[in-house]
Structures are given as C-alpha cells and as structure tokens.
Amino acid sequence: MTSRSGTRAAVAGMTMVTAGSMTANVAAYLLHVPASRWLGLAGYSEFATLLAAQLVLAVPALALQTVVAREAVHGASVEALRALTRRCAAMVAVVAAALVPAISAVLNVGVVATISALLVAPILVLLAGEQGILQGGNRFRDLAVLLGSAGIARVVPAVIVLAGGGGSSAALAASAVGTAAVAIAARVWTGTTVGVATTESPAATVASVLMAAQVQAALIALSSADLLVARIVLDGDDASLYALGAVATKAAFWLPQAVAVVMYPRMAHPEHSVRAVRTALAVLVGLGALAVAGVALGSPMLPTLVGDAYSPIQGTLWAFALDGACLAVLQGALLSAIAGRRTRFALVAWAGLAAEVVLALTVAHSIVQLITIAVACAAVTTIVASVVALRVVEKSTGAPTAS
C-alpha cells in the first residue's frame, strides 16, 4: 500500500468511525439533558456518579477490544478471539457482582441503582469482542454502524424510562437491556461479515487482556477520578454542578476516539507504527484545541439547555474541555503501548492519577480548585507519556528520533 493510498484509507476510516462514535457519544451526552432536568440536582448527582463508576468498570471491555484488534491484525482466528471474549465476560460478571456493596457504600448511592448500573459491564465485554474483530480486520464501515447502534440502544431506553417518571435505577437497567440487544445482534452480524486469518495466537490470553486493562484503567481512572472525588470534597449542589461540567470533559475525551481506533491497527504493525503514533498524537492535539475553543464559545448556551440552576458552571466549561482534550492525547500515547505490547510505561499514567487524587483530596475545596488540579495533572501526564511513547516506538523500530 502506498503512502498516499494509506492516507486515503485512514481518512476514510476516521470519517466512518467518527460518524458512528459521534452518533453514540451525542446520544450519551444528550442523555444528561433530560436526566438533569427530570431527576433534579440530588437525583442527577447519583445518576451521573453511577455512570462514572460504570465507565470505570468498562475498562475490561476497552482492554479486550484492543487485544482482540491487535491479535486480529497478527492473524488470530475469530473462534479463538471469541473464546477469549467469553472468558473475560464471565470474569467481569463475577467481579461486578462482588463490587456492588463496596461501590454503593463508597459512592453513597442505593444498592438497587448500583446493581442496575453494573449490569452492563459483562455485556460491554461481549460487545467489545465483536468491535475488536471488526477493528483488527480494518472493517471500519461495519464498526461505525455497530458503534452508532450500540450508543443509540444504550440511551433511548433510558430516556424513555426517565420520560415515564422512572428513577436512576430503572433508567440504568433499561440501558443495559438495550446494550444486550445490540451485543446479540452484533455476534450474528459480524459472524458473517468478518474474515481474518485462521491461525492461533499465543498472545490472545486473559493475561494479555489484564496487561492492557491496567493501561486502560489508568486512563479511565484519570478521566473519572475528579468526578468521584467531587462527591467527597464538594457539597451536594456543587457536586452536581461539577458532574454537569464533566460532560464537557467526556465530550472532548471521547469525540476524537476515531483517530486512535483507525490508527491502532497501523500502530500494531512494526513497519507503520512510528508514523501512526506521530500522526495520531498530532491529530489529537489539533482536535483537542478545536474542542476547547468550541466549548468556550458555546458555554453561554448552557442555562438555556439545562436550566438556570447550572449557570454557575458555564464560565469554567472550557477548563473541563481542556481536561478531556489532554486525556484524548494521553489515550493515543497509551494505545501505542498496547499495540506494541509495551504496557509498562503506563506507570506514568498511574503516577499522574496518584498525584491528582492526593491533591484533590487535600487541596480542593471548590469547583475551580478541583478542575484546576485535574487539568494540571492531565496535562503533565500527557506530555510525559507522549514523549516516552514516541521515544519507545522509535527505538524499537530503529526509526530516527524526531527533532
């Protein structure tokens, strides 16, 4: 494949995956609008916090997708990859059930609501396996359709329940049911549309997923730690305001994910990894700058969208977006580590997380202080991780270090 044709293929893939992921993400963000209105400040705080906890427990799904995609690139059989997916889903189901009492107590939320939130964890693992097969096979059109369908199916049932007067528990349970329906459909659909080589892969193991999971865990924890800490260091109303501001963080973090998704298979190829990592990081920086500018310009519309009760947060929305933009670049750097089976440098992200949590718990007493700490830690961690990622991949492939 020539450089020009490879670039065209990458752009086409990014366009398709962006369409699918944006459909899913816009649906997810729109869920916060009716939830914030219909649940009130207290109810919305519980709902948003459980969504954050749900995201943390989705780490195994994200890790599995990266491992499945990487091993598909190297020729692993679909049967072996699906067997790995089933083992991981079973493990996640057991862990999620065991964590219900602890999460309910630590986050000060109801047990039923917690169970409803965690129902989706093993389902997401099954869905991620199919997404990884599509990603590793460069079937980005099919992946885009699956991403969009899963996002809609996860949000629409929850909105319907909320509209009918249901609370957090019922809405989260409905979301899990919708996701399960798409996971079942995806298994049937990808089984007839995906074709990768039929060799076995010794790296397609639960251990490899666990190694990738610790990388993804650091990233997801960094993206959610401030929101969880907010319930501890802020009063009830400020915690709800912070939860809504964190929607901008999630938007800036997740909306550019198509870049990493499409470039990831090339990161897994030694011949293309250096250029793929450089390109991904550069594009993510550019998209992050646009996201921050867009949020800053659109923030005056916040009271109109979600009500005057949330107007105190509009002046700091750009900072929340900056936090997410930094984390999106960090995601690109960490994915390059998984692609090259070099997961040890995720210690950089764990160090950043530890610094953020300690500072947030000891220094932060207001919304501005908490988001400032989050942005500073994310920015420093991202810069260090990006530099390390580039140097490691350049050294491993013998490519000249960029000046």
Protein backbone atom coordinates (compact mmCIF):
# COMPACT_ATOMS: atom_id res chain seq x y z
CA MET A 1 0.00 0.00 0.00
CA THR A 2 1.45 3.39 -1.00
CA SER A 3 1.71 6.26 1.43
CA ARG A 4 -0.99 8.19 -0.42
CA SER A 5 -3.42 5.28 -0.60
CA GLY A 6 -2.74 4.52 3.08
CA THR A 7 -3.54 8.11 3.97
CA ARG A 8 -6.78 8.00 1.97
CA ALA A 9 -7.78 4.75 3.67
CA ALA A 10 -7.03 6.21 7.10
CA VAL A 11 -9.05 9.36 6.39
CA ALA A 12 -11.97 7.31 5.09
CA GLY A 13 -11.81 5.07 8.15
CA MET A 14 -11.68 8.03 10.52
CA THR A 15 -14.64 9.61 8.77
CA MET A 16 -16.77 6.48 9.10
CA VAL A 17 -15.77 5.70 12.68
CA THR A 18 -16.23 9.36 13.63
CA ALA A 19 -19.77 9.22 12.30
CA GLY A 20 -20.52 6.09 14.31
CA SER A 21 -18.79 7.20 17.50
CA MET A 22 -20.29 10.69 17.32
CA THR A 23 -23.73 9.16 16.99
CA ALA A 24 -23.06 7.13 20.13
CA ASN A 25 -21.45 9.98 22.04
CA VAL A 26 -24.01 12.63 21.11
CA ALA A 27 -26.72 10.24 22.24
CA ALA A 28 -24.86 9.66 25.52
CA TYR A 29 -24.37 13.38 26.15
CA LEU A 30 -27.96 14.17 25.28
CA LEU A 31 -28.99 11.70 27.96
CA HIS A 32 -27.63 14.14 30.54
CA VAL A 33 -30.03 16.86 29.42
CA PRO A 34 -33.31 15.11 30.31
CA ALA A 35 -31.65 13.38 33.28
CA SER A 36 -30.51 16.69 34.79
CA ARG A 37 -33.97 18.18 34.28
CA TRP A 38 -36.15 15.26 35.35
CA LEU A 39 -34.09 13.85 38.22
CA GLY A 40 -33.28 17.16 39.92
CA LEU A 41 -29.94 18.05 41.50
CA ALA A 42 -29.90 15.22 44.02
CA GLY A 43 -31.13 12.51 41.65
CA TYR A 44 -28.88 13.65 38.83
CA SER A 45 -25.80 13.55 41.07
CA GLU A 46 -26.49 9.86 41.81
CA PHE A 47 -27.17 9.12 38.14
CA ALA A 48 -24.00 10.86 36.89
CA THR A 49 -21.84 9.26 39.57
CA LEU A 50 -23.05 5.78 38.68
CA LEU A 51 -22.38 6.46 35.02
CA ALA A 52 -18.81 7.38 36.00
CA ALA A 53 -18.47 4.16 38.02
CA GLN A 54 -19.92 2.27 35.07
CA LEU A 55 -17.23 3.75 32.86
CA VAL A 56 -14.51 2.55 35.22
CA LEU A 57 -15.95 -0.98 35.16
CA ALA A 58 -15.98 -0.83 31.35
CA VAL A 59 -12.16 -0.94 31.42
CA PRO A 60 -12.05 -4.71 30.72
CA ALA A 61 -14.19 -4.16 27.63
CA LEU A 62 -11.89 -1.44 26.31
CA ALA A 63 -8.83 -3.59 27.04
CA LEU A 64 -10.35 -6.63 25.38
CA GLN A 65 -11.14 -4.68 22.22
CA THR A 66 -7.54 -3.50 21.91
CA VAL A 67 -6.14 -7.01 22.44
CA VAL A 68 -8.62 -8.60 20.04
CA ALA A 69 -7.89 -5.97 17.40
CA ARG A 70 -4.13 -6.36 17.82
CA GLU A 71 -4.26 -10.16 17.60
CA ALA A 72 -6.63 -9.99 14.62
CA VAL A 73 -4.02 -7.85 12.86
CA HIS A 74 -1.49 -10.63 13.52
CA GLY A 75 -3.83 -13.33 12.18
CA ALA A 76 -5.60 -14.83 15.20
CA SER A 77 -8.73 -16.84 14.42
CA VAL A 78 -12.18 -15.42 15.08
CA GLU A 79 -13.02 -18.54 17.10
CA ALA A 80 -10.06 -18.03 19.44
CA LEU A 81 -10.86 -14.36 19.90
CA ARG A 82 -14.50 -15.06 20.73
CA ALA A 83 -13.48 -17.75 23.22
CA LEU A 84 -11.26 -15.16 24.92
CA THR A 85 -14.20 -12.72 24.91
CA ARG A 86 -16.47 -15.19 26.67
CA ARG A 87 -13.90 -15.92 29.38
CA CYS A 88 -13.39 -12.23 30.04
CA ALA A 89 -17.14 -11.54 30.18
CA ALA A 90 -17.64 -14.27 32.77
CA MET A 91 -14.82 -12.86 34.93
CA VAL A 92 -16.21 -9.34 34.72
CA ALA A 93 -19.69 -10.52 35.72
CA VAL A 94 -18.29 -12.12 38.89
CA VAL A 95 -16.19 -9.08 39.80
CA ALA A 96 -19.05 -6.64 39.15
CA ALA A 97 -21.37 -8.62 41.42
CA ALA A 98 -18.77 -8.66 44.19
CA LEU A 99 -18.21 -4.91 43.95
CA VAL A 100 -21.85 -3.88 44.36
CA PRO A 101 -21.78 -3.42 48.18
CA ALA A 102 -18.48 -1.52 48.13
CA ILE A 103 -19.48 0.84 45.34
CA SER A 104 -22.84 1.52 46.93
CA ALA A 105 -21.21 2.39 50.24
CA VAL A 106 -18.28 4.43 48.93
CA LEU A 107 -20.36 6.50 46.50
CA ASN A 108 -23.31 6.76 48.89
CA VAL A 109 -25.82 5.51 46.31
CA GLY A 110 -28.59 2.92 46.53
CA VAL A 111 -27.83 -0.78 46.16
CA VAL A 112 -30.54 -1.28 43.53
CA ALA A 113 -29.24 1.64 41.49
CA THR A 114 -25.71 0.26 41.75
CA ILE A 115 -26.81 -3.18 40.56
CA SER A 116 -28.64 -1.58 37.65
CA ALA A 117 -25.50 0.33 36.67
CA LEU A 118 -23.20 -2.71 36.87
CA LEU A 119 -25.48 -4.98 34.84
CA VAL A 120 -24.00 -3.59 31.66
CA ALA A 121 -20.33 -4.41 32.48
CA PRO A 122 -20.16 -8.02 31.15
CA ILE A 123 -22.44 -7.09 28.26
CA LEU A 124 -19.99 -4.41 27.19
CA VAL A 125 -17.21 -7.03 27.18
CA LEU A 126 -19.15 -9.23 24.76
CA LEU A 127 -19.83 -6.24 22.55
CA ALA A 128 -16.18 -5.14 22.69
CA GLY A 129 -15.03 -8.51 21.39
CA GLU A 130 -17.05 -8.05 18.22
CA GLN A 131 -15.83 -4.47 17.86
CA GLY A 132 -12.22 -5.63 18.18
CA ILE A 133 -12.67 -8.21 15.43
CA LEU A 134 -14.04 -5.52 13.13
CA GLN A 135 -11.30 -3.05 14.09
CA GLY A 136 -8.46 -5.52 13.59
CA GLY A 137 -9.88 -6.51 10.23
CA ASN A 138 -10.00 -2.84 9.13
CA ARG A 139 -13.77 -3.17 8.67
CA PHE A 140 -14.38 0.41 9.73
CA ARG A 141 -17.71 0.82 7.94
CA ASP A 142 -19.17 -2.10 9.89
CA LEU A 143 -17.52 -0.89 13.09
CA ALA A 144 -19.06 2.54 12.62
CA VAL A 145 -22.54 1.06 12.25
CA LEU A 146 -22.05 -1.06 15.36
CA LEU A 147 -20.76 1.87 17.44
CA GLY A 148 -23.69 4.06 16.46
CA SER A 149 -26.25 1.32 17.03
CA ALA A 150 -24.84 0.46 20.44
CA GLY A 151 -24.89 4.11 21.52
CA ILE A 152 -28.48 4.62 20.48
CA ALA A 153 -29.66 1.34 22.00
CA ARG A 154 -27.98 2.24 25.27
CA VAL A 155 -29.52 5.70 25.55
CA VAL A 156 -33.01 5.54 24.05
CA PRO A 157 -34.45 3.01 26.54
CA ALA A 158 -33.09 5.09 29.43
CA VAL A 159 -34.66 8.28 28.07
CA ILE A 160 -38.00 6.51 27.63
CA VAL A 161 -37.89 5.32 31.24
CA LEU A 162 -36.95 8.79 32.50
CA ALA A 163 -39.77 10.34 30.47
CA GLY A 164 -42.17 7.92 32.09
CA GLY A 165 -41.14 9.05 35.56
CA GLY A 166 -38.60 6.31 36.29
CA GLY A 167 -35.61 6.97 38.50
CA SER A 168 -31.90 6.24 38.16
CA SER A 169 -32.24 2.50 38.80
CA ALA A 170 -34.87 1.88 36.15
CA ALA A 171 -33.11 4.06 33.58
CA LEU A 172 -29.75 2.30 34.07
CA ALA A 173 -31.39 -1.14 33.86
CA ALA A 174 -33.17 -0.17 30.63
CA SER A 175 -29.85 0.98 29.22
CA ALA A 176 -28.31 -2.42 29.98
CA VAL A 177 -31.16 -4.22 28.22
CA GLY A 178 -30.71 -2.09 25.10
CA THR A 179 -26.97 -2.78 25.06
CA ALA A 180 -27.58 -6.52 25.42
CA ALA A 181 -29.85 -6.50 22.37
CA VAL A 182 -27.13 -4.90 20.25
CA ALA A 183 -24.47 -7.31 21.56
CA ILE A 184 -26.58 -10.28 20.49
CA ALA A 185 -27.21 -8.77 17.08
CA ALA A 186 -23.50 -7.94 16.67
CA ARG A 187 -22.49 -11.55 17.29
CA VAL A 188 -24.75 -12.75 14.50
CA TRP A 189 -23.84 -9.92 12.13
CA THR A 190 -20.05 -9.94 12.46
CA GLY A 191 -20.04 -13.71 12.21
CA THR A 192 -21.00 -13.40 8.55
CA THR A 193 -19.10 -10.26 7.61
CA VAL A 194 -15.65 -10.61 9.17
CA GLY A 195 -12.86 -12.67 7.73
CA VAL A 196 -9.42 -12.72 9.31
CA ALA A 197 -6.80 -15.43 9.12
CA THR A 198 -7.39 -18.71 10.96
CA THR A 199 -4.11 -19.09 12.85
CA GLU A 200 -3.86 -19.37 16.61
CA SER A 201 -2.30 -16.58 18.64
CA PRO A 202 -0.38 -17.35 21.85
CA ALA A 203 -0.87 -13.71 22.90
CA ALA A 204 -4.69 -13.93 22.80
CA THR A 205 -4.97 -14.74 26.50
CA VAL A 206 -6.69 -13.41 29.58
CA ALA A 207 -3.26 -12.35 30.87
CA SER A 208 -2.76 -10.14 27.82
CA VAL A 209 -6.14 -8.55 28.42
CA LEU A 210 -5.21 -7.90 32.05
CA MET A 211 -1.99 -6.20 30.94
CA ALA A 212 -3.95 -3.99 28.56
CA ALA A 213 -6.59 -3.43 31.23
CA GLN A 214 -4.12 -1.84 33.63
CA VAL A 215 -3.24 0.65 30.89
CA GLN A 216 -6.88 1.40 30.16
CA ALA A 217 -7.66 1.51 33.88
CA ALA A 218 -5.15 4.27 34.44
CA LEU A 219 -6.66 6.30 31.61
CA ILE A 220 -10.28 5.79 32.64
CA ALA A 221 -9.46 6.45 36.28
CA LEU A 222 -7.81 9.73 35.30
CA SER A 223 -10.92 10.69 33.32
CA SER A 224 -13.27 9.90 36.21
CA ALA A 225 -11.33 10.46 39.44
CA ASP A 226 -12.22 14.13 39.77
CA LEU A 227 -15.93 13.42 39.34
CA LEU A 228 -15.84 10.74 42.02
CA VAL A 229 -13.79 12.92 44.38
CA ALA A 230 -16.25 15.77 43.83
CA ARG A 231 -18.86 13.90 45.89
CA ILE A 232 -16.37 13.81 48.75
CA VAL A 233 -14.88 17.31 48.78
CA LEU A 234 -17.82 19.37 47.46
CA ASP A 235 -21.30 19.89 48.85
CA GLY A 236 -24.32 18.34 47.15
CA ASP A 237 -25.17 21.17 44.77
CA ASP A 238 -21.56 21.86 43.79
CA ALA A 239 -21.05 18.13 43.15
CA SER A 240 -23.99 18.18 40.75
CA LEU A 241 -22.63 21.29 39.04
CA TYR A 242 -19.26 19.59 38.69
CA ALA A 243 -20.96 16.49 37.28
CA LEU A 244 -22.52 18.54 34.51
CA GLY A 245 -19.23 20.29 33.78
CA ALA A 246 -17.61 16.88 33.48
CA VAL A 247 -19.87 16.21 30.49
CA ALA A 248 -17.62 18.62 28.57
CA THR A 249 -14.61 16.58 29.72
CA LYS A 250 -16.18 13.39 28.41
CA ALA A 251 -17.08 15.06 25.12
CA ALA A 252 -13.55 16.33 24.49
CA PHE A 253 -12.15 12.96 25.57
CA TRP A 254 -14.36 10.60 23.59
CA LEU A 255 -15.32 12.51 20.44
CA PRO A 256 -11.84 12.20 18.82
CA GLN A 257 -11.64 8.46 19.58
CA ALA A 258 -11.97 7.61 15.87
CA VAL A 259 -8.38 8.76 15.39
CA ALA A 260 -6.99 6.20 17.81
CA VAL A 261 -9.41 3.49 16.63
CA VAL A 262 -8.37 3.80 12.99
CA MET A 263 -4.64 4.32 13.59
CA TYR A 264 -4.41 1.49 16.12
CA PRO A 265 -4.07 -1.40 13.62
CA ARG A 266 -1.21 0.50 11.98
CA MET A 267 0.37 1.06 15.39
CA ALA A 268 0.41 -2.73 15.75
CA HIS A 269 2.43 -3.10 12.52
CA PRO A 270 6.17 -2.50 13.10
CA GLU A 271 6.53 -1.08 9.59
CA HIS A 272 3.93 1.63 10.18
CA SER A 273 3.99 2.15 13.95
CA VAL A 274 6.25 5.22 14.16
CA ARG A 275 4.33 7.22 11.59
CA ALA A 276 0.99 6.05 13.00
CA VAL A 277 1.87 7.19 16.53
CA ARG A 278 3.19 10.57 15.35
CA THR A 279 0.13 11.15 13.18
CA ALA A 280 -2.34 10.11 15.87
CA LEU A 281 -0.84 12.39 18.51
CA ALA A 282 -0.65 15.38 16.16
CA VAL A 283 -4.25 15.00 15.01
CA LEU A 284 -5.48 14.55 18.59
CA VAL A 285 -3.74 17.75 19.69
CA GLY A 286 -5.39 19.68 16.85
CA LEU A 287 -8.84 18.26 17.55
CA GLY A 288 -8.42 18.98 21.26
CA ALA A 289 -7.71 22.64 20.57
CA LEU A 290 -10.85 22.85 18.44
CA ALA A 291 -12.91 21.18 21.17
CA VAL A 292 -11.77 23.63 23.84
CA ALA A 293 -12.50 26.60 21.57
CA GLY A 294 -15.92 25.20 20.68
CA VAL A 295 -16.92 24.67 24.30
CA ALA A 296 -15.70 28.15 25.26
CA LEU A 297 -17.79 29.72 22.50
CA GLY A 298 -20.87 27.62 23.24
CA SER A 299 -20.86 27.83 27.04
CA PRO A 300 -23.28 30.82 27.21
CA MET A 301 -25.98 28.45 25.88
CA LEU A 302 -25.73 26.16 28.91
CA PRO A 303 -28.55 27.71 31.02
CA THR A 304 -30.87 27.51 28.03
CA LEU A 305 -30.14 23.83 27.52
CA VAL A 306 -30.25 22.51 31.08
CA GLY A 307 -31.75 25.29 33.19
CA ASP A 308 -30.59 28.29 35.21
CA ALA A 309 -29.63 26.11 38.17
CA TYR A 310 -26.50 25.07 36.29
CA SER A 311 -25.43 28.57 35.16
CA PRO A 312 -22.63 28.87 37.80
CA ILE A 313 -20.58 26.29 35.89
CA GLN A 314 -20.67 27.90 32.44
CA GLY A 315 -17.61 30.11 32.96
CA THR A 316 -15.35 27.11 33.63
CA LEU A 317 -16.66 24.73 30.96
CA TRP A 318 -13.61 25.40 28.78
CA ALA A 319 -11.37 24.03 31.56
CA PHE A 320 -13.39 20.84 31.69
CA ALA A 321 -12.97 20.52 27.90
CA LEU A 322 -9.22 21.11 28.22
CA ASP A 323 -9.02 18.27 30.72
CA GLY A 324 -10.75 15.96 28.24
CA ALA A 325 -8.57 17.12 25.34
CA CYS A 326 -5.40 16.30 27.28
CA LEU A 327 -6.77 12.88 28.15
CA ALA A 328 -7.59 12.18 24.49
CA VAL A 329 -3.94 12.73 23.57
CA LEU A 330 -2.90 10.56 26.51
CA GLN A 331 -5.18 7.83 25.19
CA GLY A 332 -3.35 7.87 21.86
CA ALA A 333 0.01 7.50 23.62
CA LEU A 334 -1.18 4.65 25.84
CA LEU A 335 -2.80 2.78 22.96
CA SER A 336 0.54 2.76 21.18
CA ALA A 337 1.92 0.92 24.22
CA ILE A 338 -0.76 -1.77 23.98
CA ALA A 339 -0.31 -2.08 20.22
CA GLY A 340 3.40 -2.74 20.67
CA ARG A 341 2.95 -4.91 23.79
CA ARG A 342 4.90 -2.35 25.79
CA THR A 343 2.47 -1.69 28.62
CA ARG A 344 4.96 -0.93 31.42
CA PHE A 345 5.18 2.76 30.65
CA ALA A 346 1.57 3.09 31.80
CA LEU A 347 3.24 3.72 35.15
CA VAL A 348 3.40 7.35 34.01
CA ALA A 349 -0.41 7.49 33.96
CA TRP A 350 -0.69 5.79 37.34
CA ALA A 351 1.70 8.35 38.81
CA GLY A 352 -0.43 11.17 37.37
CA LEU A 353 -3.56 9.62 38.83
CA ALA A 354 -2.00 9.31 42.29
CA ALA A 355 -0.91 12.95 42.21
CA GLU A 356 -4.38 14.10 41.16
CA VAL A 357 -6.21 12.14 43.85
CA VAL A 358 -3.88 13.29 46.65
CA LEU A 359 -4.06 16.92 45.59
CA ALA A 360 -7.82 16.83 45.08
CA LEU A 361 -8.49 15.31 48.50
CA THR A 362 -6.13 17.64 50.36
CA VAL A 363 -6.29 20.94 48.49
CA ALA A 364 -9.57 21.21 46.56
CA HIS A 365 -12.49 22.88 48.31
CA SER A 366 -14.28 24.41 45.31
CA ILE A 367 -15.22 23.61 41.73
CA VAL A 368 -12.48 25.86 40.32
CA GLN A 369 -9.78 24.34 42.53
CA LEU A 370 -10.81 20.79 41.68
CA ILE A 371 -10.89 21.27 37.89
CA THR A 372 -7.60 23.19 38.01
CA ILE A 373 -5.93 20.24 39.71
CA ALA A 374 -7.47 17.83 37.20
CA VAL A 375 -6.27 19.86 34.20
CA ALA A 376 -2.74 20.34 35.57
CA CYS A 377 -2.27 16.65 36.32
CA ALA A 378 -3.73 15.57 32.97
CA ALA A 379 -1.53 17.99 31.04
CA VAL A 380 1.73 16.99 32.74
CA THR A 381 0.93 13.29 32.47
CA THR A 382 0.05 13.62 28.79
CA ILE A 383 3.24 15.46 27.89
CA VAL A 384 5.45 12.92 29.66
CA ALA A 385 3.58 9.90 28.27
CA SER A 386 3.62 11.25 24.70
CA VAL A 387 7.37 11.87 24.78
CA VAL A 388 8.01 8.41 26.22
CA ALA A 389 5.70 6.75 23.67
CA LEU A 390 7.48 8.35 20.73
CA ARG A 391 10.93 7.50 22.02
CA VAL A 392 9.99 3.89 22.80
CA VAL A 393 8.40 3.20 19.41
CA GLU A 394 11.26 4.92 17.56
CA LYS A 395 13.84 2.90 19.48
CA SER A 396 12.00 -0.39 18.96
CA THR A 397 11.78 0.11 15.19
CA GLY A 398 15.12 1.81 14.67
CA ALA A 399 13.48 4.95 13.30
CA PRO A 400 15.26 8.28 13.73
CA THR A 401 14.09 10.31 16.71
CA ALA A 402 12.09 13.37 15.75
CA SER A 403 13.85 16.62 16.49
